[in-house]
Amino acid sequence: MEKTARKKISAADRIFGVVVLLLSIVIFLIILYPLWFVVIASISNSNLVNLGKVTFLPKDIRFYGFQQIMEDARIWKGYLNTLIYVVAGTTLNMVVTMPAASCPPI
């Protein structure tokens, strides 16, 4: 039986791998924090957010903004339109592509 040759990884390749990993983690955190802040700001007291007291964890959790959004009829109209577009678009796509898929090649 032959032994499989293992490729040795040089020190420079290991250092490069570590640098790429660390850089990727930093970029991930830079992208993640604004997304996290939007979430915690949306459930925190708006006065505390405006004063800059909400930084990493939500404070004085309130769902007033979500309550206002859900009471607005326009959001439900938007959801209905989205469902109509998805169903109509998918149906149209299937009606057009399925016959083309079943045609024999020329």
PDB file of N, CA and C in Angstrom:
ATOM      1  N   MET A   1       0.833  -1.178   0.000  1.00  0.00           N
ATOM      2  CA  MET A   1       0.000   0.000   0.000  1.00  0.00           C
ATOM      3  C   MET A   1       0.876   1.238   0.000  1.00  0.00           C
ATOM      4  N   GLU A   2       0.413   2.204  -0.737  1.00  0.00           N
ATOM      5  CA  GLU A   2       1.143   3.456  -0.782  1.00  0.00           C
ATOM      6  C   GLU A   2       0.720   4.353   0.362  1.00  0.00           C
ATOM      7  N   LYS A   3       1.685   5.041   0.877  1.00  0.00           N
ATOM      8  CA  LYS A   3       1.373   6.039   1.891  1.00  0.00           C
ATOM      9  C   LYS A   3       0.993   7.315   1.172  1.00  0.00           C
ATOM     10  N   THR A   4      -0.038   7.940   1.663  1.00  0.00           N
ATOM     11  CA  THR A   4      -0.423   9.212   1.054  1.00  0.00           C
ATOM     12  C   THR A   4       0.518  10.292   1.546  1.00  0.00           C
ATOM     13  N   ALA A   5       0.975  11.061   0.606  1.00  0.00           N
ATOM     14  CA  ALA A   5       1.904  12.139   0.948  1.00  0.00           C
ATOM     15  C   ALA A   5       1.129  13.303   1.538  1.00  0.00           C
ATOM     16  N   ARG A   6       1.575  13.743   2.683  1.00  0.00           N
ATOM     17  CA  ARG A   6       0.942  14.898   3.310  1.00  0.00           C
ATOM     18  C   ARG A   6       1.751  16.120   2.954  1.00  0.00           C
ATOM     19  N   LYS A   7       1.070  17.119   2.505  1.00  0.00           N
ATOM     20  CA  LYS A   7       1.745  18.358   2.142  1.00  0.00           C
ATOM     21  C   LYS A   7       2.046  19.136   3.411  1.00  0.00           C
ATOM     22  N   LYS A   8       3.294  19.503   3.564  1.00  0.00           N
ATOM     23  CA  LYS A   8       3.678  20.286   4.726  1.00  0.00           C
ATOM     24  C   LYS A   8       3.309  21.741   4.485  1.00  0.00           C
ATOM     25  N   ILE A   9       2.767  22.341   5.523  1.00  0.00           N
ATOM     26  CA  ILE A   9       2.377  23.749   5.433  1.00  0.00           C
ATOM     27  C   ILE A   9       3.501  24.582   6.031  1.00  0.00           C
ATOM     28  N   SER A  10       3.941  25.534   5.248  1.00  0.00           N
ATOM     29  CA  SER A  10       5.059  26.368   5.716  1.00  0.00           C
ATOM     30  C   SER A  10       4.582  27.346   6.783  1.00  0.00           C
ATOM     31  N   ALA A  11       5.541  27.896   7.492  1.00  0.00           N
ATOM     32  CA  ALA A  11       5.236  28.873   8.549  1.00  0.00           C
ATOM     33  C   ALA A  11       4.574  30.114   7.950  1.00  0.00           C
ATOM     34  N   ALA A  12       5.015  30.524   6.769  1.00  0.00           N
ATOM     35  CA  ALA A  12       4.430  31.703   6.120  1.00  0.00           C
ATOM     36  C   ALA A  12       2.957  31.457   5.777  1.00  0.00           C
ATOM     37  N   ASP A  13       2.640  30.228   5.328  1.00  0.00           N
ATOM     38  CA  ASP A  13       1.250  29.899   5.027  1.00  0.00           C
ATOM     39  C   ASP A  13       0.396  29.898   6.288  1.00  0.00           C
ATOM     40  N   ARG A  14       0.934  29.406   7.374  1.00  0.00           N
ATOM     41  CA  ARG A  14       0.192  29.408   8.643  1.00  0.00           C
ATOM     42  C   ARG A  14      -0.059  30.836   9.117  1.00  0.00           C
ATOM     43  N   ILE A  15       0.959  31.676   9.042  1.00  0.00           N
ATOM     44  CA  ILE A  15       0.800  33.079   9.446  1.00  0.00           C
ATOM     45  C   ILE A  15      -0.232  33.764   8.561  1.00  0.00           C
ATOM     46  N   PHE A  16      -0.168  33.507   7.276  1.00  0.00           N
ATOM     47  CA  PHE A  16      -1.138  34.091   6.353  1.00  0.00           C
ATOM     48  C   PHE A  16      -2.560  33.642   6.704  1.00  0.00           C
ATOM     49  N   GLY A  17      -2.714  32.360   7.008  1.00  0.00           N
ATOM     50  CA  GLY A  17      -4.027  31.831   7.382  1.00  0.00           C
ATOM     51  C   GLY A  17      -4.570  32.484   8.646  1.00  0.00           C
ATOM     52  N   VAL A  18      -3.701  32.677   9.629  1.00  0.00           N
ATOM     53  CA  VAL A  18      -4.120  33.316  10.876  1.00  0.00           C
ATOM     54  C   VAL A  18      -4.510  34.772  10.631  1.00  0.00           C
ATOM     55  N   VAL A  19      -3.718  35.478   9.820  1.00  0.00           N
ATOM     56  CA  VAL A  19      -4.028  36.882   9.519  1.00  0.00           C
ATOM     57  C   VAL A  19      -5.357  36.993   8.776  1.00  0.00           C
ATOM     58  N   VAL A  20      -5.579  36.116   7.815  1.00  0.00           N
ATOM     59  CA  VAL A  20      -6.846  36.135   7.074  1.00  0.00           C
ATOM     60  C   VAL A  20      -8.012  35.836   8.015  1.00  0.00           C
ATOM     61  N   LEU A  21      -7.845  34.876   8.903  1.00  0.00           N
ATOM     62  CA  LEU A  21      -8.901  34.535   9.865  1.00  0.00           C
ATOM     63  C   LEU A  21      -9.212  35.721  10.775  1.00  0.00           C
ATOM     64  N   LEU A  22      -8.179  36.345  11.328  1.00  0.00           N
ATOM     65  CA  LEU A  22      -8.394  37.493  12.217  1.00  0.00           C
ATOM     66  C   LEU A  22      -9.043  38.658  11.471  1.00  0.00           C
ATOM     67  N   LEU A  23      -8.587  38.921  10.269  1.00  0.00           N
ATOM     68  CA  LEU A  23      -9.170  39.986   9.468  1.00  0.00           C
ATOM     69  C   LEU A  23     -10.639  39.699   9.147  1.00  0.00           C
ATOM     70  N   SER A  24     -10.937  38.450   8.854  1.00  0.00           N
ATOM     71  CA  SER A  24     -12.329  38.065   8.586  1.00  0.00           C
ATOM     72  C   SER A  24     -13.206  38.265   9.815  1.00  0.00           C
ATOM     73  N   ILE A  25     -12.693  37.927  10.983  1.00  0.00           N
ATOM     74  CA  ILE A  25     -13.455  38.106  12.224  1.00  0.00           C
ATOM     75  C   ILE A  25     -13.714  39.588  12.477  1.00  0.00           C
ATOM     76  N   VAL A  26     -12.705  40.423  12.280  1.00  0.00           N
ATOM     77  CA  VAL A  26     -12.868  41.869  12.483  1.00  0.00           C
ATOM     78  C   VAL A  26     -13.907  42.430  11.516  1.00  0.00           C
ATOM     79  N   ILE A  27     -13.829  42.049  10.251  1.00  0.00           N
ATOM     80  CA  ILE A  27     -14.803  42.535   9.258  1.00  0.00           C
ATOM     81  C   ILE A  27     -16.200  42.055   9.617  1.00  0.00           C
ATOM     82  N   PHE A  28     -16.319  40.798  10.059  1.00  0.00           N
ATOM     83  CA  PHE A  28     -17.618  40.262  10.469  1.00  0.00           C
ATOM     84  C   PHE A  28     -18.212  41.082  11.612  1.00  0.00           C
ATOM     85  N   LEU A  29     -17.392  41.425  12.597  1.00  0.00           N
ATOM     86  CA  LEU A  29     -17.879  42.213  13.732  1.00  0.00           C
ATOM     87  C   LEU A  29     -18.260  43.629  13.305  1.00  0.00           C
ATOM     88  N   ILE A  30     -17.501  44.204  12.381  1.00  0.00           N
ATOM     89  CA  ILE A  30     -17.823  45.544  11.883  1.00  0.00           C
ATOM     90  C   ILE A  30     -19.167  45.537  11.166  1.00  0.00           C
ATOM     91  N   ILE A  31     -19.460  44.472  10.467  1.00  0.00           N
ATOM     92  CA  ILE A  31     -20.747  44.358   9.763  1.00  0.00           C
ATOM     93  C   ILE A  31     -21.867  43.990  10.732  1.00  0.00           C
ATOM     94  N   LEU A  32     -21.578  43.145  11.706  1.00  0.00           N
ATOM     95  CA  LEU A  32     -22.610  42.639  12.619  1.00  0.00           C
ATOM     96  C   LEU A  32     -23.130  43.710  13.578  1.00  0.00           C
ATOM     97  N   TYR A  33     -22.247  44.576  14.098  1.00  0.00           N
ATOM     98  CA  TYR A  33     -22.684  45.524  15.130  1.00  0.00           C
ATOM     99  C   TYR A  33     -23.790  46.459  14.658  1.00  0.00           C
ATOM    100  N   PRO A  34     -23.717  47.089  13.487  1.00  0.00           N
ATOM    101  CA  PRO A  34     -24.841  47.950  13.072  1.00  0.00           C
ATOM    102  C   PRO A  34     -26.164  47.193  12.955  1.00  0.00           C
ATOM    103  N   LEU A  35     -26.100  45.951  12.497  1.00  0.00           N
ATOM    104  CA  LEU A  35     -27.327  45.153  12.410  1.00  0.00           C
ATOM    105  C   LEU A  35     -27.879  44.870  13.813  1.00  0.00           C
ATOM    106  N   TRP A  36     -26.995  44.537  14.732  1.00  0.00           N
ATOM    107  CA  TRP A  36     -27.397  44.290  16.116  1.00  0.00           C
ATOM    108  C   TRP A  36     -27.972  45.554  16.739  1.00  0.00           C
ATOM    109  N   PHE A  37     -27.351  46.708  16.462  1.00  0.00           N
ATOM    110  CA  PHE A  37     -27.814  47.963  17.035  1.00  0.00           C
ATOM    111  C   PHE A  37     -29.227  48.291  16.552  1.00  0.00           C
ATOM    112  N   VAL A  38     -29.529  48.025  15.293  1.00  0.00           N
ATOM    113  CA  VAL A  38     -30.881  48.265  14.786  1.00  0.00           C
ATOM    114  C   VAL A  38     -31.890  47.424  15.569  1.00  0.00           C
ATOM    115  N   VAL A  39     -31.546  46.198  15.847  1.00  0.00           N
ATOM    116  CA  VAL A  39     -32.455  45.314  16.592  1.00  0.00           C
ATOM    117  C   VAL A  39     -32.656  45.821  18.012  1.00  0.00           C
ATOM    118  N   ILE A  40     -31.562  46.132  18.727  1.00  0.00           N
ATOM    119  CA  ILE A  40     -31.726  46.556  20.116  1.00  0.00           C
ATOM    120  C   ILE A  40     -32.339  47.948  20.205  1.00  0.00           C
ATOM    121  N   ALA A  41     -32.067  48.816  19.230  1.00  0.00           N
ATOM    122  CA  ALA A  41     -32.677  50.144  19.247  1.00  0.00           C
ATOM    123  C   ALA A  41     -34.169  50.063  18.973  1.00  0.00           C
ATOM    124  N   SER A  42     -34.588  49.072  18.192  1.00  0.00           N
ATOM    125  CA  SER A  42     -36.007  48.964  17.868  1.00  0.00           C
ATOM    126  C   SER A  42     -36.845  48.507  19.049  1.00  0.00           C
ATOM    127  N   ILE A  43     -36.231  47.846  20.033  1.00  0.00           N
ATOM    128  CA  ILE A  43     -37.000  47.389  21.193  1.00  0.00           C
ATOM    129  C   ILE A  43     -36.672  48.175  22.455  1.00  0.00           C
ATOM    130  N   SER A  44     -35.726  49.101  22.373  1.00  0.00           N
ATOM    131  CA  SER A  44     -35.369  49.917  23.542  1.00  0.00           C
ATOM    132  C   SER A  44     -36.214  51.182  23.580  1.00  0.00           C
ATOM    133  N   ASN A  45     -36.209  51.819  24.733  1.00  0.00           N
ATOM    134  CA  ASN A  45     -36.885  53.097  24.903  1.00  0.00           C
ATOM    135  C   ASN A  45     -36.234  54.116  23.961  1.00  0.00           C
ATOM    136  N   SER A  46     -37.043  54.773  23.136  1.00  0.00           N
ATOM    137  CA  SER A  46     -36.494  55.684  22.127  1.00  0.00           C
ATOM    138  C   SER A  46     -35.759  56.874  22.751  1.00  0.00           C
ATOM    139  N   ASN A  47     -36.181  57.306  23.920  1.00  0.00           N
ATOM    140  CA  ASN A  47     -35.479  58.408  24.586  1.00  0.00           C
ATOM    141  C   ASN A  47     -34.056  58.005  24.967  1.00  0.00           C
ATOM    142  N   LEU A  48     -33.883  56.780  25.445  1.00  0.00           N
ATOM    143  CA  LEU A  48     -32.550  56.299  25.798  1.00  0.00           C
ATOM    144  C   LEU A  48     -31.678  56.125  24.568  1.00  0.00           C
ATOM    145  N   VAL A  49     -32.282  55.713  23.465  1.00  0.00           N
ATOM    146  CA  VAL A  49     -31.526  55.578  22.219  1.00  0.00           C
ATOM    147  C   VAL A  49     -31.055  56.950  21.760  1.00  0.00           C
ATOM    148  N   ASN A  50     -31.945  57.938  21.802  1.00  0.00           N
ATOM    149  CA  ASN A  50     -31.591  59.298  21.374  1.00  0.00           C
ATOM    150  C   ASN A  50     -30.518  59.916  22.260  1.00  0.00           C
ATOM    151  N   LEU A  51     -30.495  59.562  23.533  1.00  0.00           N
ATOM    152  CA  LEU A  51     -29.484  60.082  24.446  1.00  0.00           C
ATOM    153  C   LEU A  51     -28.159  59.331  24.338  1.00  0.00           C
ATOM    154  N   GLY A  52     -28.126  58.264  23.547  1.00  0.00           N
ATOM    155  CA  GLY A  52     -26.906  57.494  23.373  1.00  0.00           C
ATOM    156  C   GLY A  52     -26.623  56.522  24.492  1.00  0.00           C
ATOM    157  N   LYS A  53     -27.625  56.197  25.281  1.00  0.00           N
ATOM    158  CA  LYS A  53     -27.422  55.291  26.418  1.00  0.00           C
ATOM    159  C   LYS A  53     -27.573  53.820  26.026  1.00  0.00           C
ATOM    160  N   VAL A  54     -28.058  53.567  24.824  1.00  0.00           N
ATOM    161  CA  VAL A  54     -28.171  52.194  24.333  1.00  0.00           C
ATOM    162  C   VAL A  54     -26.990  51.953  23.405  1.00  0.00           C
ATOM    163  N   THR A  55     -26.099  51.046  23.813  1.00  0.00           N
ATOM    164  CA  THR A  55     -24.922  50.785  22.986  1.00  0.00           C
ATOM    165  C   THR A  55     -24.799  49.322  22.575  1.00  0.00           C
ATOM    166  N   PHE A  56     -24.917  48.409  23.540  1.00  0.00           N
ATOM    167  CA  PHE A  56     -24.739  47.003  23.194  1.00  0.00           C
ATOM    168  C   PHE A  56     -25.911  46.123  23.603  1.00  0.00           C
ATOM    169  N   LEU A  57     -26.570  46.467  24.690  1.00  0.00           N
ATOM    170  CA  LEU A  57     -27.729  45.703  25.154  1.00  0.00           C
ATOM    171  C   LEU A  57     -28.947  46.620  25.203  1.00  0.00           C
ATOM    172  N   PRO A  58     -30.136  46.071  24.953  1.00  0.00           N
ATOM    173  CA  PRO A  58     -31.330  46.917  25.017  1.00  0.00           C
ATOM    174  C   PRO A  58     -31.606  47.383  26.445  1.00  0.00           C
ATOM    175  N   LYS A  59     -32.170  48.587  26.555  1.00  0.00           N
ATOM    176  CA  LYS A  59     -32.513  49.138  27.869  1.00  0.00           C
ATOM    177  C   LYS A  59     -33.968  49.575  27.844  1.00  0.00           C
ATOM    178  N   ASP A  60     -34.662  49.317  28.944  1.00  0.00           N
ATOM    179  CA  ASP A  60     -36.070  49.677  29.095  1.00  0.00           C
ATOM    180  C   ASP A  60     -36.856  49.185  27.870  1.00  0.00           C
ATOM    181  N   ILE A  61     -36.911  47.871  27.736  1.00  0.00           N
ATOM    182  CA  ILE A  61     -37.495  47.243  26.550  1.00  0.00           C
ATOM    183  C   ILE A  61     -38.962  47.622  26.400  1.00  0.00           C
ATOM    184  N   ARG A  62     -39.285  48.136  25.229  1.00  0.00           N
ATOM    185  CA  ARG A  62     -40.657  48.503  24.866  1.00  0.00           C
ATOM    186  C   ARG A  62     -40.898  48.110  23.423  1.00  0.00           C
ATOM    187  N   PHE A  63     -42.109  47.725  23.129  1.00  0.00           N
ATOM    188  CA  PHE A  63     -42.466  47.326  21.767  1.00  0.00           C
ATOM    189  C   PHE A  63     -43.430  48.333  21.143  1.00  0.00           C
ATOM    190  N   TYR A  64     -43.322  49.584  21.553  1.00  0.00           N
ATOM    191  CA  TYR A  64     -44.236  50.615  21.068  1.00  0.00           C
ATOM    192  C   TYR A  64     -44.128  50.790  19.556  1.00  0.00           C
ATOM    193  N   GLY A  65     -42.924  50.800  19.022  1.00  0.00           N
ATOM    194  CA  GLY A  65     -42.739  50.971  17.574  1.00  0.00           C
ATOM    195  C   GLY A  65     -43.380  49.838  16.790  1.00  0.00           C
ATOM    196  N   PHE A  66     -43.195  48.622  17.259  1.00  0.00           N
ATOM    197  CA  PHE A  66     -43.806  47.479  16.585  1.00  0.00           C
ATOM    198  C   PHE A  66     -45.329  47.535  16.691  1.00  0.00           C
ATOM    199  N   GLN A  67     -45.832  47.986  17.835  1.00  0.00           N
ATOM    200  CA  GLN A  67     -47.276  48.115  18.010  1.00  0.00           C
ATOM    201  C   GLN A  67     -47.837  49.124  17.015  1.00  0.00           C
ATOM    202  N   GLN A  68     -47.150  50.253  16.853  1.00  0.00           N
ATOM    203  CA  GLN A  68     -47.606  51.274  15.914  1.00  0.00           C
ATOM    204  C   GLN A  68     -47.596  50.748  14.480  1.00  0.00           C
ATOM    205  N   ILE A  69     -46.573  50.006  14.134  1.00  0.00           N
ATOM    206  CA  ILE A  69     -46.475  49.462  12.783  1.00  0.00           C
ATOM    207  C   ILE A  69     -47.601  48.464  12.526  1.00  0.00           C
ATOM    208  N   MET A  70     -47.853  47.589  13.484  1.00  0.00           N
ATOM    209  CA  MET A  70     -48.867  46.557  13.284  1.00  0.00           C
ATOM    210  C   MET A  70     -50.282  47.132  13.257  1.00  0.00           C
ATOM    211  N   GLU A  71     -50.484  48.294  13.844  1.00  0.00           N
ATOM    212  CA  GLU A  71     -51.801  48.924  13.812  1.00  0.00           C
ATOM    213  C   GLU A  71     -52.045  49.693  12.524  1.00  0.00           C
ATOM    214  N   ASP A  72     -51.005  49.923  11.741  1.00  0.00           N
ATOM    215  CA  ASP A  72     -51.127  50.662  10.486  1.00  0.00           C
ATOM    216  C   ASP A  72     -51.603  49.717   9.390  1.00  0.00           C
ATOM    217  N   ALA A  73     -52.714  50.050   8.760  1.00  0.00           N
ATOM    218  CA  ALA A  73     -53.293  49.185   7.727  1.00  0.00           C
ATOM    219  C   ALA A  73     -52.397  49.083   6.500  1.00  0.00           C
ATOM    220  N   ARG A  74     -51.542  50.076   6.278  1.00  0.00           N
ATOM    221  CA  ARG A  74     -50.686  50.050   5.088  1.00  0.00           C
ATOM    222  C   ARG A  74     -49.684  48.904   5.123  1.00  0.00           C
ATOM    223  N   ILE A  75     -49.227  48.510   6.306  1.00  0.00           N
ATOM    224  CA  ILE A  75     -48.272  47.404   6.390  1.00  0.00           C
ATOM    225  C   ILE A  75     -48.944  46.107   5.962  1.00  0.00           C
ATOM    226  N   TRP A  76     -50.197  45.919   6.362  1.00  0.00           N
ATOM    227  CA  TRP A  76     -50.921  44.705   5.983  1.00  0.00           C
ATOM    228  C   TRP A  76     -51.241  44.704   4.495  1.00  0.00           C
ATOM    229  N   LYS A  77     -51.512  45.880   3.937  1.00  0.00           N
ATOM    230  CA  LYS A  77     -51.731  45.996   2.492  1.00  0.00           C
ATOM    231  C   LYS A  77     -50.440  45.624   1.747  1.00  0.00           C
ATOM    232  N   GLY A  78     -49.306  46.056   2.274  1.00  0.00           N
ATOM    233  CA  GLY A  78     -48.020  45.701   1.682  1.00  0.00           C
ATOM    234  C   GLY A  78     -47.765  44.205   1.725  1.00  0.00           C
ATOM    235  N   TYR A  79     -48.085  43.560   2.857  1.00  0.00           N
ATOM    236  CA  TYR A  79     -47.929  42.107   2.957  1.00  0.00           C
ATOM    237  C   TYR A  79     -48.834  41.396   1.967  1.00  0.00           C
ATOM    238  N   LEU A  80     -50.069  41.887   1.821  1.00  0.00           N
ATOM    239  CA  LEU A  80     -50.997  41.289   0.864  1.00  0.00           C
ATOM    240  C   LEU A  80     -50.446  41.420  -0.557  1.00  0.00           C
ATOM    241  N   ASN A  81     -49.941  42.596  -0.892  1.00  0.00           N
ATOM    242  CA  ASN A  81     -49.358  42.791  -2.225  1.00  0.00           C
ATOM    243  C   ASN A  81     -48.175  41.850  -2.448  1.00  0.00           C
ATOM    244  N   THR A  82     -47.360  41.681  -1.436  1.00  0.00           N
ATOM    245  CA  THR A  82     -46.214  40.774  -1.552  1.00  0.00           C
ATOM    246  C   THR A  82     -46.674  39.351  -1.822  1.00  0.00           C
ATOM    247  N   LEU A  83     -47.673  38.900  -1.087  1.00  0.00           N
ATOM    248  CA  LEU A  83     -48.198  37.546  -1.311  1.00  0.00           C
ATOM    249  C   LEU A  83     -48.778  37.392  -2.709  1.00  0.00           C
ATOM    250  N   ILE A  84     -49.503  38.408  -3.164  1.00  0.00           N
ATOM    251  CA  ILE A  84     -50.080  38.355  -4.518  1.00  0.00           C
ATOM    252  C   ILE A  84     -48.965  38.285  -5.556  1.00  0.00           C
ATOM    253  N   TYR A  85     -47.930  39.112  -5.411  1.00  0.00           N
ATOM    254  CA  TYR A  85     -46.817  39.103  -6.373  1.00  0.00           C
ATOM    255  C   TYR A  85     -46.098  37.759  -6.378  1.00  0.00           C
ATOM    256  N   VAL A  86     -45.891  37.185  -5.199  1.00  0.00           N
ATOM    257  CA  VAL A  86     -45.189  35.905  -5.116  1.00  0.00           C
ATOM    258  C   VAL A  86     -46.006  34.802  -5.771  1.00  0.00           C
ATOM    259  N   VAL A  87     -47.293  34.731  -5.446  1.00  0.00           N
ATOM    260  CA  VAL A  87     -48.135  33.673  -6.009  1.00  0.00           C
ATOM    261  C   VAL A  87     -48.288  33.862  -7.516  1.00  0.00           C
ATOM    262  N   ALA A  88     -48.595  35.083  -7.952  1.00  0.00           N
ATOM    263  CA  ALA A  88     -48.778  35.342  -9.388  1.00  0.00           C
ATOM    264  C   ALA A  88     -47.466  35.146 -10.147  1.00  0.00           C
ATOM    265  N   GLY A  89     -46.364  35.635  -9.603  1.00  0.00           N
ATOM    266  CA  GLY A  89     -45.077  35.490 -10.273  1.00  0.00           C
ATOM    267  C   GLY A  89     -44.640  34.043 -10.386  1.00  0.00           C
ATOM    268  N   THR A  90     -44.820  33.283  -9.317  1.00  0.00           N
ATOM    269  CA  THR A  90     -44.448  31.872  -9.342  1.00  0.00           C
ATOM    270  C   THR A  90     -45.328  31.103 -10.316  1.00  0.00           C
ATOM    271  N   THR A  91     -46.617  31.394 -10.294  1.00  0.00           N
ATOM    272  CA  THR A  91     -47.532  30.724 -11.220  1.00  0.00           C
ATOM    273  C   THR A  91     -47.169  31.034 -12.666  1.00  0.00           C
ATOM    274  N   LEU A  92     -46.950  32.306 -12.970  1.00  0.00           N
ATOM    275  CA  LEU A  92     -46.573  32.696 -14.325  1.00  0.00           C
ATOM    276  C   LEU A  92     -45.262  32.033 -14.734  1.00  0.00           C
ATOM    277  N   ASN A  93     -44.295  32.009 -13.848  1.00  0.00           N
ATOM    278  CA  ASN A  93     -43.012  31.378 -14.134  1.00  0.00           C
ATOM    279  C   ASN A  93     -43.191  29.893 -14.439  1.00  0.00           C
ATOM    280  N   MET A  94     -43.998  29.203 -13.655  1.00  0.00           N
ATOM    281  CA  MET A  94     -44.227  27.776 -13.877  1.00  0.00           C
ATOM    282  C   MET A  94     -44.969  27.531 -15.189  1.00  0.00           C
ATOM    283  N   VAL A  95     -45.957  28.377 -15.498  1.00  0.00           N
ATOM    284  CA  VAL A  95     -46.727  28.218 -16.739  1.00  0.00           C
ATOM    285  C   VAL A  95     -45.830  28.398 -17.959  1.00  0.00           C
ATOM    286  N   VAL A  96     -44.874  29.300 -17.885  1.00  0.00           N
ATOM    287  CA  VAL A  96     -43.999  29.575 -19.020  1.00  0.00           C
ATOM    288  C   VAL A  96     -42.859  28.560 -19.123  1.00  0.00           C
ATOM    289  N   THR A  97     -42.263  28.184 -18.012  1.00  0.00           N
ATOM    290  CA  THR A  97     -41.066  27.340 -18.079  1.00  0.00           C
ATOM    291  C   THR A  97     -41.367  25.843 -18.170  1.00  0.00           C
ATOM    292  N   MET A  98     -42.450  25.369 -17.598  1.00  0.00           N
ATOM    293  CA  MET A  98     -42.728  23.946 -17.630  1.00  0.00           C
ATOM    294  C   MET A  98     -42.962  23.429 -19.049  1.00  0.00           C
ATOM    295  N   PRO A  99     -43.730  24.097 -19.884  1.00  0.00           N
ATOM    296  CA  PRO A  99     -43.860  23.600 -21.265  1.00  0.00           C
ATOM    297  C   PRO A  99     -42.526  23.620 -22.008  1.00  0.00           C
ATOM    298  N   ALA A 100     -41.715  24.607 -21.764  1.00  0.00           N
ATOM    299  CA  ALA A 100     -40.418  24.691 -22.433  1.00  0.00           C
ATOM    300  C   ALA A 100     -39.511  23.557 -21.963  1.00  0.00           C
ATOM    301  N   ALA A 101     -39.626  23.160 -20.719  1.00  0.00           N
ATOM    302  CA  ALA A 101     -38.789  22.090 -20.186  1.00  0.00           C
ATOM    303  C   ALA A 101     -39.186  20.727 -20.740  1.00  0.00           C
ATOM    304  N   SER A 102     -40.439  20.582 -21.115  1.00  0.00           N
ATOM    305  CA  SER A 102     -40.883  19.265 -21.598  1.00  0.00           C
ATOM    306  C   SER A 102     -40.767  19.111 -23.096  1.00  0.00           C
ATOM    307  N   CYS A 103     -40.373  20.164 -23.810  1.00  0.00           N
ATOM    308  CA  CYS A 103     -40.206  20.082 -25.259  1.00  0.00           C
ATOM    309  C   CYS A 103     -38.945  19.276 -25.591  1.00  0.00           C
ATOM    310  N   PRO A 104     -39.031  18.417 -26.602  1.00  0.00           N
ATOM    311  CA  PRO A 104     -37.810  17.697 -27.001  1.00  0.00           C
ATOM    312  C   PRO A 104     -36.846  18.649 -27.693  1.00  0.00           C
ATOM    313  N   PRO A 105     -35.559  18.392 -27.581  1.00  0.00           N
ATOM    314  CA  PRO A 105     -34.580  19.265 -28.231  1.00  0.00           C
ATOM    315  C   PRO A 105     -34.721  19.212 -29.745  1.00  0.00           C
ATOM    316  N   ILE A 106     -34.391  20.306 -30.371  1.00  0.00           N
ATOM    317  CA  ILE A 106     -34.512  20.386 -31.833  1.00  0.00           C
ATOM    318  C   ILE A 106     -33.287  19.826 -32.504  1.00  0.00           C
TER     319      ILE A 106
END
